Amino acid sequence: MSLGSRFRWPAYHEMMAIFGVGDLHPGGEQSTDLLIAELEKAKPASILEVGAGAGYTTARMVKRGWRVTSVEPSAILCEFIRARHPAAVFEGSFDNFDSGSAKYDAIVGEGVFYGLDPARTVEKIHGLLRPGGLLASSDMVWTDRANADIVSYVHQRTKELFGVPMASKDSLAASTWRASLLSAGFKQVLARDIEQAAFDPDRRIRRVRSLAGLLRRPHLIPLYLNYRSYQRINWVPADWLRSEVSVWRLTE
């Protein structure tokens, strides 16, 4: 893949996409399988995918004949999607996405909603879904044990180091999102906690693909080693963070 005139040092998730490593969201491919299985029950025709990344989930949904619109802020990752999948791509943030009059049967987001404002985001999702539509997501959020000052530091520091923050700036708990969704007329139809060990894709596959990618692009070796060194840091106690796969149905 040529990065062309817009080349910059890639963020961690962009670099891994260049190496052919995807499913970096909480729960990886297994959590995606859960979400897609629940979506299949509803037989959706149109899907809005928020934070599509390199398009791994996009491919799984397109394969099922669903019409996918992908929202992705990274220009590098948008190139991947456009080159590989027959999906409409909006290059920008979810906050700036405008569907016009279009409504969707489902909205999917993996490792993306945690960084957005719950009330404002739920209101926008409500306006984009058809009645009976589904919101399917997997995300990592803070628990009530988290210290607000440390939360803010971790958010800013990981954003600087990896190109994207590992968690939200404010210590937003799952209960905050739940309250916003319930008040907007959503009903939960699936909730599954994700174990810490399921956060990463198969490590052997990741290692092989990363090494192969570094052989093709040796100029990325220092960047890769830098990212790896910071990945080894235990940023916060394990019980400060919680990850969940969930599906909600719009009932109003």
Protein backbone atom coordinates (compact mmCIF):
# COMPACT_ATOMS: atom_id res chain seq x y z
CA MET A 1 0.00 0.00 0.00
CA SER A 2 1.33 3.42 -0.91
CA LEU A 3 0.74 6.18 1.60
CA GLY A 4 1.44 8.80 -1.08
CA SER A 5 1.76 12.50 -0.46
CA ARG A 6 -0.26 12.30 2.76
CA PHE A 7 2.37 10.13 4.48
CA ARG A 8 2.84 10.59 8.20
CA TRP A 9 3.99 8.21 10.87
CA PRO A 10 1.01 5.89 11.36
CA ALA A 11 -0.79 5.53 14.66
CA TYR A 12 -0.57 2.10 16.27
CA HIS A 13 -3.85 0.77 14.84
CA GLU A 14 -2.94 2.10 11.38
CA MET A 15 0.46 0.42 11.50
CA MET A 16 -1.11 -2.89 12.47
CA ALA A 17 -3.54 -2.58 9.55
CA ILE A 18 -0.59 -2.04 7.21
CA PHE A 19 0.87 -5.29 8.60
CA GLY A 20 -2.42 -7.12 7.99
CA VAL A 21 -3.46 -7.32 11.64
CA GLY A 22 -7.05 -6.40 12.45
CA ASP A 23 -9.75 -7.02 15.05
CA LEU A 24 -7.92 -4.91 17.64
CA HIS A 25 -11.14 -4.01 19.44
CA PRO A 26 -12.08 -5.64 22.77
CA GLY A 27 -12.86 -9.30 22.27
CA GLY A 28 -11.42 -9.37 18.75
CA GLU A 29 -13.04 -11.60 16.14
CA GLN A 30 -15.03 -13.53 18.75
CA SER A 31 -16.91 -10.44 19.91
CA THR A 32 -17.59 -9.52 16.27
CA ASP A 33 -19.05 -12.99 15.68
CA LEU A 34 -21.42 -12.45 18.61
CA LEU A 35 -22.59 -9.10 17.25
CA ILE A 36 -23.07 -10.38 13.70
CA ALA A 37 -24.99 -13.44 14.92
CA GLU A 38 -27.41 -11.15 16.73
CA LEU A 39 -27.72 -8.87 13.70
CA GLU A 40 -28.48 -11.83 11.43
CA LYS A 41 -31.61 -12.59 13.45
CA ALA A 42 -33.00 -9.19 12.42
CA LYS A 43 -32.13 -9.66 8.71
CA PRO A 44 -30.84 -6.09 8.22
CA ALA A 45 -30.47 -4.56 4.78
CA SER A 46 -28.49 -1.44 5.68
CA ILE A 47 -25.72 -1.04 8.26
CA LEU A 48 -23.89 2.04 9.51
CA GLU A 49 -20.45 1.02 10.76
CA VAL A 50 -18.81 3.56 13.05
CA GLY A 51 -15.02 3.43 13.33
CA ALA A 52 -14.58 0.83 10.59
CA GLY A 53 -10.81 0.58 10.92
CA ALA A 54 -9.21 -1.46 8.13
CA GLY A 55 -12.53 -3.06 7.24
CA TYR A 56 -12.34 -6.54 8.76
CA THR A 57 -15.88 -6.33 10.15
CA THR A 58 -16.92 -4.51 6.98
CA ALA A 59 -15.90 -7.56 4.94
CA ARG A 60 -17.89 -9.93 7.16
CA MET A 61 -21.03 -7.83 6.81
CA VAL A 62 -20.70 -7.22 3.06
CA LYS A 63 -20.25 -10.98 2.61
CA ARG A 64 -23.74 -11.45 4.09
CA GLY A 65 -25.24 -9.15 1.48
CA TRP A 66 -25.76 -6.21 3.80
CA ARG A 67 -25.38 -2.68 2.43
CA VAL A 68 -22.67 -1.05 4.56
CA THR A 69 -21.79 2.60 5.08
CA SER A 70 -18.49 2.94 6.94
CA VAL A 71 -17.48 5.97 9.02
CA GLU A 72 -13.73 6.16 9.65
CA PRO A 73 -11.62 9.22 10.60
CA SER A 74 -8.27 7.78 9.44
CA ALA A 75 -7.40 8.53 5.81
CA ILE A 76 -4.99 5.57 5.79
CA LEU A 77 -7.70 3.14 6.90
CA CYS A 78 -10.28 4.61 4.52
CA GLU A 79 -7.91 3.70 1.68
CA PHE A 80 -7.95 0.09 2.86
CA ILE A 81 -11.75 -0.04 2.89
CA ARG A 82 -12.20 1.64 -0.49
CA ALA A 83 -9.65 -0.67 -2.11
CA ARG A 84 -11.12 -3.89 -0.78
CA HIS A 85 -14.83 -3.61 -0.09
CA PRO A 86 -17.96 -2.37 -1.91
CA ALA A 87 -18.93 -0.14 0.99
CA ALA A 88 -19.72 3.56 1.04
CA VAL A 89 -17.02 5.33 3.07
CA PHE A 90 -17.29 8.59 4.98
CA GLU A 91 -13.86 9.90 5.95
CA GLY A 92 -14.40 11.76 9.19
CA SER A 93 -15.72 11.50 12.72
CA PHE A 94 -19.10 10.16 13.76
CA ASP A 95 -19.92 13.58 15.21
CA ASN A 96 -19.52 15.08 11.72
CA PHE A 97 -21.32 12.31 9.83
CA ASP A 98 -24.54 13.39 8.08
CA SER A 99 -26.71 10.71 6.51
CA GLY A 100 -29.13 13.18 4.98
CA SER A 101 -32.51 11.48 5.18
CA ALA A 102 -31.09 7.94 5.28
CA LYS A 103 -32.05 5.61 8.13
CA TYR A 104 -30.34 2.33 8.99
CA ASP A 105 -31.45 -1.08 10.20
CA ALA A 106 -28.42 -1.33 12.48
CA ILE A 107 -25.43 0.65 13.73
CA VAL A 108 -22.22 -1.17 14.61
CA GLY A 109 -19.26 0.17 16.59
CA GLU A 110 -16.31 -1.77 17.99
CA GLY A 111 -13.93 -0.01 20.35
CA VAL A 112 -15.19 3.41 19.27
CA PHE A 113 -18.14 4.73 21.30
CA TYR A 114 -16.17 4.83 24.58
CA GLY A 115 -14.52 8.10 23.54
CA LEU A 116 -17.77 9.90 22.69
CA ASP A 117 -20.27 11.80 24.81
CA PRO A 118 -23.01 9.32 25.84
CA ALA A 119 -26.06 11.61 25.75
CA ARG A 120 -25.13 13.34 22.48
CA THR A 121 -24.07 10.07 20.82
CA VAL A 122 -27.22 8.18 21.83
CA GLU A 123 -29.37 11.04 20.53
CA LYS A 124 -27.59 10.87 17.16
CA ILE A 125 -27.85 7.06 17.01
CA HIS A 126 -31.58 7.35 17.75
CA GLY A 127 -32.00 9.70 14.81
CA LEU A 128 -30.09 7.40 12.44
CA LEU A 129 -31.93 4.15 13.23
CA ARG A 130 -35.25 2.96 11.91
CA PRO A 131 -37.81 1.93 14.58
CA GLY A 132 -36.79 -1.54 15.75
CA GLY A 133 -33.22 -0.97 14.59
CA LEU A 134 -30.23 -2.37 16.48
CA LEU A 135 -27.17 -0.81 18.07
CA ALA A 136 -24.38 -3.42 18.30
CA SER A 137 -21.13 -2.56 20.06
CA SER A 138 -18.11 -3.80 21.94
CA ASP A 139 -16.31 -1.31 24.13
CA MET A 140 -14.05 -0.86 27.11
CA VAL A 141 -15.20 1.60 29.78
CA TRP A 142 -14.08 2.65 33.24
CA THR A 143 -15.57 1.16 36.38
CA ASP A 144 -16.57 3.04 39.53
CA ARG A 145 -13.14 2.25 41.01
CA ALA A 146 -11.29 4.51 38.57
CA ASN A 147 -9.65 7.70 39.83
CA ALA A 148 -10.74 10.71 37.74
CA ASP A 149 -7.32 12.43 37.72
CA ILE A 150 -5.49 9.28 36.63
CA VAL A 151 -8.18 8.58 34.03
CA SER A 152 -7.57 11.97 32.44
CA TYR A 153 -3.78 11.42 32.44
CA VAL A 154 -4.04 7.93 30.91
CA HIS A 155 -6.38 9.21 28.20
CA GLN A 156 -4.05 12.03 27.18
CA ARG A 157 -0.81 10.06 27.50
CA THR A 158 -2.00 7.03 25.52
CA LYS A 159 -3.42 9.34 22.85
CA GLU A 160 0.01 10.94 22.49
CA LEU A 161 1.84 7.60 22.41
CA PHE A 162 -0.47 5.45 20.27
CA GLY A 163 -2.35 7.99 18.17
CA VAL A 164 -5.66 7.06 19.83
CA PRO A 165 -6.53 7.00 23.55
CA MET A 166 -7.01 3.64 25.26
CA ALA A 167 -10.08 4.86 27.15
CA SER A 168 -12.29 7.91 27.61
CA LYS A 169 -11.05 11.17 29.10
CA ASP A 170 -13.75 11.15 31.78
CA SER A 171 -14.39 8.17 34.04
CA LEU A 172 -17.60 7.20 32.24
CA ALA A 173 -18.96 3.87 33.45
CA ALA A 174 -21.17 1.41 31.58
CA SER A 175 -24.04 2.56 33.79
CA THR A 176 -23.85 6.04 32.20
CA TRP A 177 -24.27 4.61 28.70
CA ARG A 178 -27.01 2.28 29.91
CA ALA A 179 -28.99 5.14 31.42
CA SER A 180 -28.69 7.22 28.23
CA LEU A 181 -29.86 4.32 26.06
CA LEU A 182 -32.79 3.40 28.30
CA SER A 183 -34.00 7.01 28.48
CA ALA A 184 -33.87 7.22 24.65
CA GLY A 185 -36.15 4.21 24.21
CA PHE A 186 -33.64 1.39 23.74
CA LYS A 187 -34.02 -2.12 25.16
CA GLN A 188 -30.99 -4.36 25.72
CA VAL A 189 -31.15 -7.71 23.95
CA LEU A 190 -27.57 -8.93 24.50
CA ALA A 191 -24.92 -8.25 27.15
CA ARG A 192 -21.73 -10.26 27.48
CA ASP A 193 -18.64 -9.39 29.50
CA ILE A 194 -15.31 -9.77 27.71
CA GLU A 195 -12.49 -11.39 29.64
CA GLN A 196 -9.12 -9.60 29.74
CA ALA A 197 -7.48 -12.47 27.84
CA ALA A 198 -9.82 -11.87 24.90
CA PHE A 199 -8.69 -8.31 24.26
CA ASP A 200 -6.06 -9.23 21.69
CA PRO A 201 -6.30 -11.22 18.48
CA ASP A 202 -4.30 -14.44 18.21
CA ARG A 203 -0.82 -13.37 19.35
CA ARG A 204 1.02 -15.84 17.13
CA ILE A 205 -0.74 -14.58 14.01
CA ARG A 206 -0.15 -10.98 15.07
CA ARG A 207 3.56 -11.69 15.62
CA VAL A 208 4.03 -13.43 12.27
CA ARG A 209 2.19 -10.75 10.32
CA SER A 210 3.99 -7.95 12.15
CA LEU A 211 7.40 -9.45 11.41
CA ALA A 212 6.47 -9.95 7.76
CA GLY A 213 5.26 -6.35 7.60
CA LEU A 214 8.49 -5.07 9.16
CA LEU A 215 10.55 -6.99 6.58
CA ARG A 216 8.65 -5.18 3.83
CA ARG A 217 8.81 -1.80 5.61
CA PRO A 218 11.97 -1.74 7.76
CA HIS A 219 11.64 2.03 8.25
CA LEU A 220 8.77 1.23 10.66
CA ILE A 221 10.92 -0.90 12.98
CA PRO A 222 11.79 1.94 15.42
CA LEU A 223 8.12 2.99 15.57
CA TYR A 224 7.00 -0.60 16.13
CA LEU A 225 9.52 -1.14 18.95
CA ASN A 226 8.45 2.13 20.55
CA TYR A 227 4.80 1.09 20.50
CA ARG A 228 5.69 -2.34 21.87
CA SER A 229 7.58 -0.83 24.81
CA TYR A 230 4.58 1.23 25.89
CA GLN A 231 2.16 -1.68 25.39
CA ARG A 232 3.94 -3.52 28.19
CA ILE A 233 3.00 -0.83 30.73
CA ASN A 234 0.18 -1.68 33.15
CA TRP A 235 -1.46 1.72 32.92
CA VAL A 236 -4.15 1.15 35.55
CA PRO A 237 -5.36 -1.69 37.83
CA ALA A 238 -7.34 -4.32 35.96
CA ASP A 239 -10.50 -3.67 37.96
CA TRP A 240 -10.62 -0.07 36.74
CA LEU A 241 -11.70 -1.16 33.28
CA ARG A 242 -14.55 -3.32 32.01
CA SER A 243 -15.34 -4.46 28.50
CA GLU A 244 -18.67 -5.67 27.16
CA VAL A 245 -20.36 -6.84 23.98
CA SER A 246 -23.89 -5.46 23.85
CA VAL A 247 -26.83 -5.14 21.47
CA TRP A 248 -29.74 -2.74 21.98
CA ARG A 249 -33.01 -2.44 20.08
CA LEU A 250 -34.73 0.88 19.47
CA THR A 251 -38.30 0.40 20.63
CA GLU A 252 -39.60 3.96 20.18
